[in-house]
PDB file of N, CA and C in Angstrom:
ATOM      1  N   UNK A   1      45.844  -4.116 135.295  1.00  0.00           N
ATOM      2  CA  UNK A   1      46.721  -3.343 135.413  1.00  0.00           C
ATOM      3  C   UNK A   1      48.354  -3.594 135.210  1.00  0.00           C
ATOM      4  N   UNK A   2      48.827  -3.663 134.700  1.00  0.00           N
ATOM      5  CA  UNK A   2      50.153  -4.209 134.229  1.00  0.00           C
ATOM      6  C   UNK A   2      51.554  -3.279 134.802  1.00  0.00           C
ATOM      7  N   UNK A   3      52.859  -3.510 134.968  1.00  0.00           N
ATOM      8  CA  UNK A   3      53.457  -2.738 136.185  1.00  0.00           C
ATOM      9  C   UNK A   3      54.667  -2.694 135.289  1.00  0.00           C
ATOM     10  N   UNK A   4      55.397  -1.258 134.807  1.00  0.00           N
ATOM     11  CA  UNK A   4      56.105  -1.321 134.396  1.00  0.00           C
ATOM     12  C   UNK A   4      55.631  -0.018 133.300  1.00  0.00           C
ATOM     13  N   UNK A   5      56.264  -0.139 132.048  1.00  0.00           N
ATOM     14  CA  UNK A   5      56.578   0.374 130.561  1.00  0.00           C
ATOM     15  C   UNK A   5      56.208  -0.164 129.854  1.00  0.00           C
ATOM     16  N   UNK A   6      55.393  -0.019 128.826  1.00  0.00           N
ATOM     17  CA  UNK A   6      55.008  -0.881 127.763  1.00  0.00           C
ATOM     18  C   UNK A   6      55.512  -0.417 126.558  1.00  0.00           C
ATOM     19  N   UNK A   7      55.761  -1.410 125.666  1.00  0.00           N
ATOM     20  CA  UNK A   7      56.780  -1.350 124.045  1.00  0.00           C
ATOM     21  C   UNK A   7      56.206   0.119 123.488  1.00  0.00           C
ATOM     22  N   UNK A   8      55.636   0.243 123.320  1.00  0.00           N
ATOM     23  CA  UNK A   8      55.011   1.423 122.843  1.00  0.00           C
ATOM     24  C   UNK A   8      55.549   3.048 123.385  1.00  0.00           C
ATOM     25  N   UNK A   9      55.065   3.001 125.075  1.00  0.00           N
ATOM     26  CA  UNK A   9      55.356   3.666 125.646  1.00  0.00           C
ATOM     27  C   UNK A   9      56.846   4.017 125.825  1.00  0.00           C
ATOM     28  N   UNK A  10      58.014   2.984 124.972  1.00  0.00           N
ATOM     29  CA  UNK A  10      59.073   3.129 125.266  1.00  0.00           C
ATOM     30  C   UNK A  10      59.378   4.156 123.989  1.00  0.00           C
ATOM     31  N   UNK A  11      58.941   2.956 122.957  1.00  0.00           N
ATOM     32  CA  UNK A  11      59.220   3.707 121.027  1.00  0.00           C
ATOM     33  C   UNK A  11      58.704   5.504 121.071  1.00  0.00           C
ATOM     34  N   UNK A  12      58.071   5.646 121.479  1.00  0.00           N
ATOM     35  CA  UNK A  12      57.314   6.619 121.506  1.00  0.00           C
ATOM     36  C   UNK A  12      58.279   7.816 122.301  1.00  0.00           C
ATOM     37  N   UNK A  13      58.856   7.446 123.776  1.00  0.00           N
ATOM     38  CA  UNK A  13      59.869   8.567 123.930  1.00  0.00           C
ATOM     39  C   UNK A  13      60.852   8.129 123.437  1.00  0.00           C
ATOM     40  N   UNK A  14      61.351   6.944 123.151  1.00  0.00           N
ATOM     41  CA  UNK A  14      62.949   7.048 122.685  1.00  0.00           C
ATOM     42  C   UNK A  14      62.685   8.107 120.587  1.00  0.00           C
ATOM     43  N   UNK A  15      61.513   7.804 120.247  1.00  0.00           N
ATOM     44  CA  UNK A  15      61.066   8.928 118.642  1.00  0.00           C
ATOM     45  C   UNK A  15      61.304  10.482 119.380  1.00  0.00           C
ATOM     46  N   UNK A  16      60.806  10.939 120.376  1.00  0.00           N
ATOM     47  CA  UNK A  16      60.730  12.232 121.160  1.00  0.00           C
ATOM     48  C   UNK A  16      62.469  12.147 120.995  1.00  0.00           C
ATOM     49  N   UNK A  17      62.275  11.795 122.114  1.00  0.00           N
ATOM     50  CA  UNK A  17      64.481  12.146 122.222  1.00  0.00           C
ATOM     51  C   UNK A  17      64.768  11.888 120.274  1.00  0.00           C
ATOM     52  N   UNK A  18      65.002  11.039 119.612  1.00  0.00           N
ATOM     53  CA  UNK A  18      65.648  10.971 118.476  1.00  0.00           C
ATOM     54  C   UNK A  18      65.188  12.157 117.736  1.00  0.00           C
ATOM     55  N   UNK A  19      63.974  13.087 117.755  1.00  0.00           N
ATOM     56  CA  UNK A  19      63.817  14.471 117.246  1.00  0.00           C
ATOM     57  C   UNK A  19      64.210  15.421 117.668  1.00  0.00           C
ATOM     58  N   UNK A  20      64.273  15.101 119.233  1.00  0.00           N
ATOM     59  CA  UNK A  20      65.168  16.444 120.129  1.00  0.00           C
ATOM     60  C   UNK A  20      66.956  16.426 119.590  1.00  0.00           C
ATOM     61  N   UNK A  21      67.019  14.891 119.594  1.00  0.00           N
ATOM     62  CA  UNK A  21      68.671  15.277 119.303  1.00  0.00           C
ATOM     63  C   UNK A  21      68.387  15.915 118.139  1.00  0.00           C
ATOM     64  N   UNK A  22      68.090  15.887 116.599  1.00  0.00           N
ATOM     65  CA  UNK A  22      67.996  15.712 115.555  1.00  0.00           C
ATOM     66  C   UNK A  22      67.988  17.472 115.563  1.00  0.00           C
ATOM     67  N   UNK A  23      66.473  18.278 115.806  1.00  0.00           N
ATOM     68  CA  UNK A  23      66.430  19.287 116.581  1.00  0.00           C
ATOM     69  C   UNK A  23      67.472  20.302 116.985  1.00  0.00           C
ATOM     70  N   UNK A  24      68.282  19.819 118.029  1.00  0.00           N
ATOM     71  CA  UNK A  24      69.249  20.146 118.588  1.00  0.00           C
ATOM     72  C   UNK A  24      70.788  20.385 117.655  1.00  0.00           C
ATOM     73  N   UNK A  25      71.180  19.170 117.256  1.00  0.00           N
ATOM     74  CA  UNK A  25      72.271  19.374 116.376  1.00  0.00           C
ATOM     75  C   UNK A  25      72.313  19.846 115.024  1.00  0.00           C
ATOM     76  N   UNK A  26      70.824  20.176 114.658  1.00  0.00           N
ATOM     77  CA  UNK A  26      70.052  21.475 113.118  1.00  0.00           C
ATOM     78  C   UNK A  26      71.015  22.756 114.144  1.00  0.00           C
ATOM     79  N   UNK A  27      70.450  22.972 115.199  1.00  0.00           N
ATOM     80  CA  UNK A  27      70.126  24.510 116.128  1.00  0.00           C
ATOM     81  C   UNK A  27      71.944  24.574 116.053  1.00  0.00           C
ATOM     82  N   UNK A  28      72.631  23.608 116.282  1.00  0.00           N
ATOM     83  CA  UNK A  28      74.243  23.466 116.582  1.00  0.00           C
ATOM     84  C   UNK A  28      74.539  24.215 115.596  1.00  0.00           C
ATOM     85  N   UNK A  29      74.446  22.724 113.760  1.00  0.00           N
ATOM     86  CA  UNK A  29      74.606  23.560 113.060  1.00  0.00           C
ATOM     87  C   UNK A  29      74.490  25.029 112.155  1.00  0.00           C
ATOM     88  N   UNK A  30      73.615  25.385 112.971  1.00  0.00           N
ATOM     89  CA  UNK A  30      73.035  26.919 112.156  1.00  0.00           C
ATOM     90  C   UNK A  30      74.117  27.749 113.463  1.00  0.00           C
ATOM     91  N   UNK A  31      74.462  27.420 114.819  1.00  0.00           N
ATOM     92  CA  UNK A  31      74.896  28.117 115.400  1.00  0.00           C
ATOM     93  C   UNK A  31      76.528  28.640 115.012  1.00  0.00           C
ATOM     94  N   UNK A  32      76.655  26.982 114.662  1.00  0.00           N
ATOM     95  CA  UNK A  32      78.365  27.325 114.069  1.00  0.00           C
ATOM     96  C   UNK A  32      78.911  27.447 112.724  1.00  0.00           C
ATOM     97  N   UNK A  33      77.651  27.965 111.714  1.00  0.00           N
ATOM     98  CA  UNK A  33      78.358  28.562 110.469  1.00  0.00           C
ATOM     99  C   UNK A  33      78.014  30.162 110.750  1.00  0.00           C
ATOM    100  N   UNK A  34      77.156  30.427 111.543  1.00  0.00           N
ATOM    101  CA  UNK A  34      77.045  31.404 111.929  1.00  0.00           C
ATOM    102  C   UNK A  34      78.303  32.564 112.547  1.00  0.00           C
ATOM    103  N   UNK A  35      78.868  31.584 113.818  1.00  0.00           N
ATOM    104  CA  UNK A  35      79.689  31.917 114.398  1.00  0.00           C
ATOM    105  C   UNK A  35      81.609  31.714 113.317  1.00  0.00           C
ATOM    106  N   UNK A  36      81.316  30.935 112.437  1.00  0.00           N
ATOM    107  CA  UNK A  36      82.487  31.063 111.375  1.00  0.00           C
ATOM    108  C   UNK A  36      81.886  31.966 110.604  1.00  0.00           C
ATOM    109  N   UNK A  37      80.741  32.372 109.771  1.00  0.00           N
ATOM    110  CA  UNK A  37      80.815  33.707 108.621  1.00  0.00           C
ATOM    111  C   UNK A  37      81.645  35.017 109.127  1.00  0.00           C
ATOM    112  N   UNK A  38      80.894  34.888 110.524  1.00  0.00           N
ATOM    113  CA  UNK A  38      81.286  35.814 111.748  1.00  0.00           C
ATOM    114  C   UNK A  38      82.808  35.778 111.695  1.00  0.00           C
ATOM    115  N   UNK A  39      84.005  34.872 112.189  1.00  0.00           N
ATOM    116  CA  UNK A  39      84.813  34.409 112.255  1.00  0.00           C
ATOM    117  C   UNK A  39      85.589  35.009 111.226  1.00  0.00           C
ATOM    118  N   UNK A  40      85.173  34.300 109.799  1.00  0.00           N
ATOM    119  CA  UNK A  40      85.444  34.604 108.464  1.00  0.00           C
ATOM    120  C   UNK A  40      85.873  36.006 108.219  1.00  0.00           C
ATOM    121  N   UNK A  41      84.528  36.886 108.523  1.00  0.00           N
ATOM    122  CA  UNK A  41      84.350  38.640 108.045  1.00  0.00           C
ATOM    123  C   UNK A  41      85.298  39.221 109.095  1.00  0.00           C
ATOM    124  N   UNK A  42      85.646  38.759 110.203  1.00  0.00           N
ATOM    125  CA  UNK A  42      86.538  38.821 110.839  1.00  0.00           C
ATOM    126  C   UNK A  42      87.993  38.853 110.533  1.00  0.00           C
ATOM    127  N   UNK A  43      89.115  38.136 109.867  1.00  0.00           N
ATOM    128  CA  UNK A  43      89.830  37.897 109.585  1.00  0.00           C
ATOM    129  C   UNK A  43      89.982  38.555 108.514  1.00  0.00           C
ATOM    130  N   UNK A  44      89.531  38.516 107.487  1.00  0.00           N
ATOM    131  CA  UNK A  44      89.418  38.773 106.262  1.00  0.00           C
ATOM    132  C   UNK A  44      89.026  40.423 106.768  1.00  0.00           C
ATOM    133  N   UNK A  45      88.849  41.257 107.291  1.00  0.00           N
ATOM    134  CA  UNK A  45      89.199  42.561 107.732  1.00  0.00           C
ATOM    135  C   UNK A  45      90.109  42.868 108.382  1.00  0.00           C
ATOM    136  N   UNK A  46      90.682  41.853 109.165  1.00  0.00           N
ATOM    137  CA  UNK A  46      92.200  42.112 110.150  1.00  0.00           C
ATOM    138  C   UNK A  46      92.827  41.693 108.853  1.00  0.00           C
ATOM    139  N   UNK A  47      92.927  41.278 107.829  1.00  0.00           N
ATOM    140  CA  UNK A  47      94.230  40.730 106.509  1.00  0.00           C
ATOM    141  C   UNK A  47      93.854  41.940 105.380  1.00  0.00           C
ATOM    142  N   UNK A  48      93.421  42.596 105.440  1.00  0.00           N
ATOM    143  CA  UNK A  48      92.943  43.403 104.523  1.00  0.00           C
ATOM    144  C   UNK A  48      93.429  44.552 105.389  1.00  0.00           C
ATOM    145  N   UNK A  49      93.569  45.037 106.478  1.00  0.00           N
ATOM    146  CA  UNK A  49      94.124  46.221 107.119  1.00  0.00           C
ATOM    147  C   UNK A  49      95.442  46.071 107.443  1.00  0.00           C
ATOM    148  N   UNK A  50      95.679  45.010 107.562  1.00  0.00           N
ATOM    149  CA  UNK A  50      97.486  43.919 107.953  1.00  0.00           C
ATOM    150  C   UNK A  50      98.135  44.113 107.026  1.00  0.00           C
ATOM    151  N   UNK A  51      97.348  44.599 105.286  1.00  0.00           N
ATOM    152  CA  UNK A  51      97.746  44.471 103.986  1.00  0.00           C
ATOM    153  C   UNK A  51      97.941  45.848 104.074  1.00  0.00           C
ATOM    154  N   UNK A  52      97.043  46.838 104.209  1.00  0.00           N
ATOM    155  CA  UNK A  52      97.342  48.061 103.784  1.00  0.00           C
ATOM    156  C   UNK A  52      98.944  48.785 104.691  1.00  0.00           C
ATOM    157  N   UNK A  53      98.510  48.686 106.116  1.00  0.00           N
ATOM    158  CA  UNK A  53      99.844  48.505 107.098  1.00  0.00           C
ATOM    159  C   UNK A  53     101.013  48.487 106.121  1.00  0.00           C
ATOM    160  N   UNK A  54     101.011  46.569 105.554  1.00  0.00           N
ATOM    161  CA  UNK A  54     102.268  46.580 105.495  1.00  0.00           C
ATOM    162  C   UNK A  54     102.570  47.238 104.404  1.00  0.00           C
ATOM    163  N   UNK A  55     101.492  47.750 103.598  1.00  0.00           N
ATOM    164  CA  UNK A  55     102.151  48.363 101.855  1.00  0.00           C
ATOM    165  C   UNK A  55     102.288  50.035 102.143  1.00  0.00           C
ATOM    166  N   UNK A  56     102.088  50.571 103.899  1.00  0.00           N
ATOM    167  CA  UNK A  56     102.252  52.117 104.386  1.00  0.00           C
ATOM    168  C   UNK A  56     103.745  51.814 104.563  1.00  0.00           C
ATOM    169  N   UNK A  57     103.709  50.456 105.536  1.00  0.00           N
ATOM    170  CA  UNK A  57     105.580  49.892 105.279  1.00  0.00           C
ATOM    171  C   UNK A  57     106.761  49.918 104.746  1.00  0.00           C
ATOM    172  N   UNK A  58     106.419  49.147 103.784  1.00  0.00           N
ATOM    173  CA  UNK A  58     106.952  49.294 102.267  1.00  0.00           C
ATOM    174  C   UNK A  58     107.153  50.320 102.499  1.00  0.00           C
ATOM    175  N   UNK A  59     106.845  51.232 101.441  1.00  0.00           N
ATOM    176  CA  UNK A  59     106.408  52.683 101.315  1.00  0.00           C
ATOM    177  C   UNK A  59     107.098  53.998 101.932  1.00  0.00           C
ATOM    178  N   UNK A  60     107.425  53.571 103.090  1.00  0.00           N
ATOM    179  CA  UNK A  60     108.683  54.670 104.029  1.00  0.00           C
ATOM    180  C   UNK A  60     109.353  53.539 103.880  1.00  0.00           C
ATOM    181  N   UNK A  61     109.484  52.599 103.600  1.00  0.00           N
ATOM    182  CA  UNK A  61     110.811  51.780 103.733  1.00  0.00           C
ATOM    183  C   UNK A  61     111.893  51.809 101.909  1.00  0.00           C
ATOM    184  N   UNK A  62     110.913  52.254 101.207  1.00  0.00           N
ATOM    185  CA  UNK A  62     111.442  52.220  99.816  1.00  0.00           C
ATOM    186  C   UNK A  62     111.704  54.185  99.518  1.00  0.00           C
ATOM    187  N   UNK A  63     111.382  54.894 100.639  1.00  0.00           N
ATOM    188  CA  UNK A  63     111.511  56.412 100.627  1.00  0.00           C
ATOM    189  C   UNK A  63     112.531  56.661 101.120  1.00  0.00           C
ATOM    190  N   UNK A  64     113.125  55.986 102.113  1.00  0.00           N
ATOM    191  CA  UNK A  64     114.167  55.652 103.531  1.00  0.00           C
ATOM    192  C   UNK A  64     115.129  54.879 102.351  1.00  0.00           C
ATOM    193  N   UNK A  65     114.891  53.689 101.371  1.00  0.00           N
ATOM    194  CA  UNK A  65     116.117  53.392 101.185  1.00  0.00           C
ATOM    195  C   UNK A  65     116.819  53.769 100.300  1.00  0.00           C
ATOM    196  N   UNK A  66     115.845  54.901  98.938  1.00  0.00           N
ATOM    197  CA  UNK A  66     116.171  55.343  97.994  1.00  0.00           C
ATOM    198  C   UNK A  66     116.931  56.410  98.065  1.00  0.00           C
ATOM    199  N   UNK A  67     117.017  58.076  99.485  1.00  0.00           N
ATOM    200  CA  UNK A  67     118.247  58.435  99.543  1.00  0.00           C
ATOM    201  C   UNK A  67     119.961  57.886  99.712  1.00  0.00           C
ATOM    202  N   UNK A  68     119.086  57.046 100.235  1.00  0.00           N
ATOM    203  CA  UNK A  68     120.521  56.383 100.803  1.00  0.00           C
ATOM    204  C   UNK A  68     121.159  55.518  99.454  1.00  0.00           C
ATOM    205  N   UNK A  69     120.402  55.095  98.937  1.00  0.00           N
ATOM    206  CA  UNK A  69     121.117  54.935  97.231  1.00  0.00           C
ATOM    207  C   UNK A  69     121.500  55.355  96.554  1.00  0.00           C
ATOM    208  N   UNK A  70     121.310  57.115  96.146  1.00  0.00           N
ATOM    209  CA  UNK A  70     121.578  58.305  95.870  1.00  0.00           C
ATOM    210  C   UNK A  70     122.843  58.576  96.418  1.00  0.00           C
ATOM    211  N   UNK A  71     123.019  58.628  97.473  1.00  0.00           N
ATOM    212  CA  UNK A  71     124.373  58.465  98.094  1.00  0.00           C
ATOM    213  C   UNK A  71     125.274  57.965  97.886  1.00  0.00           C
ATOM    214  N   UNK A  72     124.835  56.248  98.050  1.00  0.00           N
ATOM    215  CA  UNK A  72     126.428  55.764  97.886  1.00  0.00           C
ATOM    216  C   UNK A  72     126.464  55.570  96.213  1.00  0.00           C
ATOM    217  N   UNK A  73     125.565  56.214  95.387  1.00  0.00           N
ATOM    218  CA  UNK A  73     125.836  56.215  94.028  1.00  0.00           C
ATOM    219  C   UNK A  73     126.229  57.090  93.370  1.00  0.00           C
ATOM    220  N   UNK A  74     126.457  58.556  94.604  1.00  0.00           N
ATOM    221  CA  UNK A  74     127.168  59.128  94.291  1.00  0.00           C
ATOM    222  C   UNK A  74     128.896  59.404  94.939  1.00  0.00           C
ATOM    223  N   UNK A  75     128.584  58.681  95.756  1.00  0.00           N
ATOM    224  CA  UNK A  75     130.158  58.368  97.014  1.00  0.00           C
ATOM    225  C   UNK A  75     131.045  57.054  96.149  1.00  0.00           C
ATOM    226  N   UNK A  76     130.502  56.255  94.815  1.00  0.00           N
ATOM    227  CA  UNK A  76     130.972  55.533  94.254  1.00  0.00           C
ATOM    228  C   UNK A  76     131.611  56.203  93.072  1.00  0.00           C
ATOM    229  N   UNK A  77     130.550  57.589  92.454  1.00  0.00           N
ATOM    230  CA  UNK A  77     131.676  58.118  91.151  1.00  0.00           C
ATOM    231  C   UNK A  77     132.345  58.920  92.115  1.00  0.00           C
ATOM    232  N   UNK A  78     132.410  59.491  92.815  1.00  0.00           N
ATOM    233  CA  UNK A  78     133.284  60.421  93.443  1.00  0.00           C
ATOM    234  C   UNK A  78     134.476  59.450  93.647  1.00  0.00           C
ATOM    235  N   UNK A  79     134.207  58.362  94.348  1.00  0.00           N
ATOM    236  CA  UNK A  79     135.527  58.004  94.671  1.00  0.00           C
ATOM    237  C   UNK A  79     136.595  56.843  93.035  1.00  0.00           C
ATOM    238  N   UNK A  80     135.120  57.082  92.254  1.00  0.00           N
ATOM    239  CA  UNK A  80     136.020  56.972  90.834  1.00  0.00           C
ATOM    240  C   UNK A  80     136.996  57.201  90.029  1.00  0.00           C
ATOM    241  N   UNK A  81     136.713  58.659  90.275  1.00  0.00           N
ATOM    242  CA  UNK A  81     137.358  60.275  89.456  1.00  0.00           C
ATOM    243  C   UNK A  81     138.012  59.696  90.675  1.00  0.00           C
TER     244      UNK A  81
END
Protein backbone atom coordinates (compact mmCIF):
# COMPACT_ATOMS: atom_id res chain seq x y z
CA UNK A 1 0.00 0.00 0.00
CA UNK A 2 1.31 3.44 -1.01
CA UNK A 3 1.50 6.39 1.27
CA UNK A 4 0.02 9.74 0.16
CA UNK A 5 -2.35 10.76 -2.61
CA UNK A 6 -2.16 9.37 -6.09
CA UNK A 7 -1.99 11.50 -9.23
CA UNK A 8 -5.53 10.53 -10.33
CA UNK A 9 -6.95 11.53 -6.95
CA UNK A 10 -5.27 14.94 -7.14
CA UNK A 11 -6.54 15.48 -10.68
CA UNK A 12 -10.04 14.48 -9.56
CA UNK A 13 -9.96 16.92 -6.64
CA UNK A 14 -8.65 19.73 -8.86
CA UNK A 15 -11.36 19.01 -11.44
CA UNK A 16 -14.05 19.12 -8.74
CA UNK A 17 -12.64 22.40 -7.44
CA UNK A 18 -12.61 23.87 -10.95
CA UNK A 19 -16.27 22.87 -11.46
CA UNK A 20 -17.19 24.40 -8.10
CA UNK A 21 -15.42 27.63 -9.01
CA UNK A 22 -17.19 27.78 -12.38
CA UNK A 23 -20.57 27.25 -10.70
CA UNK A 24 -19.79 29.89 -8.07
CA UNK A 25 -18.69 32.34 -10.77
CA UNK A 26 -21.88 31.72 -12.74
CA UNK A 27 -24.07 32.18 -9.65
CA UNK A 28 -22.23 35.37 -8.70
CA UNK A 29 -22.62 36.74 -12.22
CA UNK A 30 -26.38 36.01 -12.20
CA UNK A 31 -26.75 37.63 -8.79
CA UNK A 32 -24.89 40.75 -9.91
CA UNK A 33 -27.04 41.01 -13.03
CA UNK A 34 -30.20 40.95 -10.89
CA UNK A 35 -28.75 43.62 -8.60
CA UNK A 36 -27.81 45.79 -11.59
CA UNK A 37 -31.29 45.46 -13.08
CA UNK A 38 -32.88 46.39 -9.76
CA UNK A 39 -30.58 49.39 -9.37
CA UNK A 40 -31.25 50.57 -12.92
CA UNK A 41 -35.01 50.34 -12.43
CA UNK A 42 -34.75 52.20 -9.11
CA UNK A 43 -32.57 54.96 -10.58
CA UNK A 44 -34.85 55.26 -13.59
CA UNK A 45 -37.89 55.74 -11.37
CA UNK A 46 -35.97 58.28 -9.26
CA UNK A 47 -34.99 60.21 -12.38
CA UNK A 48 -38.59 60.21 -13.57
CA UNK A 49 -39.81 61.51 -10.21
CA UNK A 50 -37.08 64.16 -10.19
CA UNK A 51 -38.04 65.22 -13.73
CA UNK A 52 -41.69 65.58 -12.70
CA UNK A 53 -40.67 67.58 -9.62
CA UNK A 54 -38.45 69.88 -11.72
CA UNK A 55 -41.26 70.40 -14.24
CA UNK A 56 -43.59 71.42 -11.42
CA UNK A 57 -41.00 73.78 -9.96
CA UNK A 58 -40.36 75.30 -13.38
CA UNK A 59 -44.09 75.81 -13.84
CA UNK A 60 -44.35 77.53 -10.46
CA UNK A 61 -41.38 79.74 -11.23
CA UNK A 62 -42.85 80.75 -14.57
CA UNK A 63 -46.15 81.61 -12.89
CA UNK A 64 -44.31 83.77 -10.36
CA UNK A 65 -42.15 85.42 -13.00
CA UNK A 66 -45.01 86.28 -15.39
CA UNK A 67 -46.75 88.71 -12.98
CA UNK A 68 -43.39 90.33 -12.25
CA UNK A 69 -42.75 90.75 -15.98
CA UNK A 70 -46.19 92.28 -16.48
CA UNK A 71 -45.58 94.73 -13.64
CA UNK A 72 -42.18 95.65 -15.05
CA UNK A 73 -43.57 96.22 -18.54
CA UNK A 74 -46.37 98.37 -17.15
CA UNK A 75 -43.86 100.32 -15.13
CA UNK A 76 -41.79 100.89 -18.23
CA UNK A 77 -44.83 102.18 -20.02
CA UNK A 78 -45.65 104.48 -17.18
CA UNK A 79 -42.10 105.78 -16.99
CA UNK A 80 -41.91 106.39 -20.69
CA UNK A 81 -44.89 108.73 -20.65
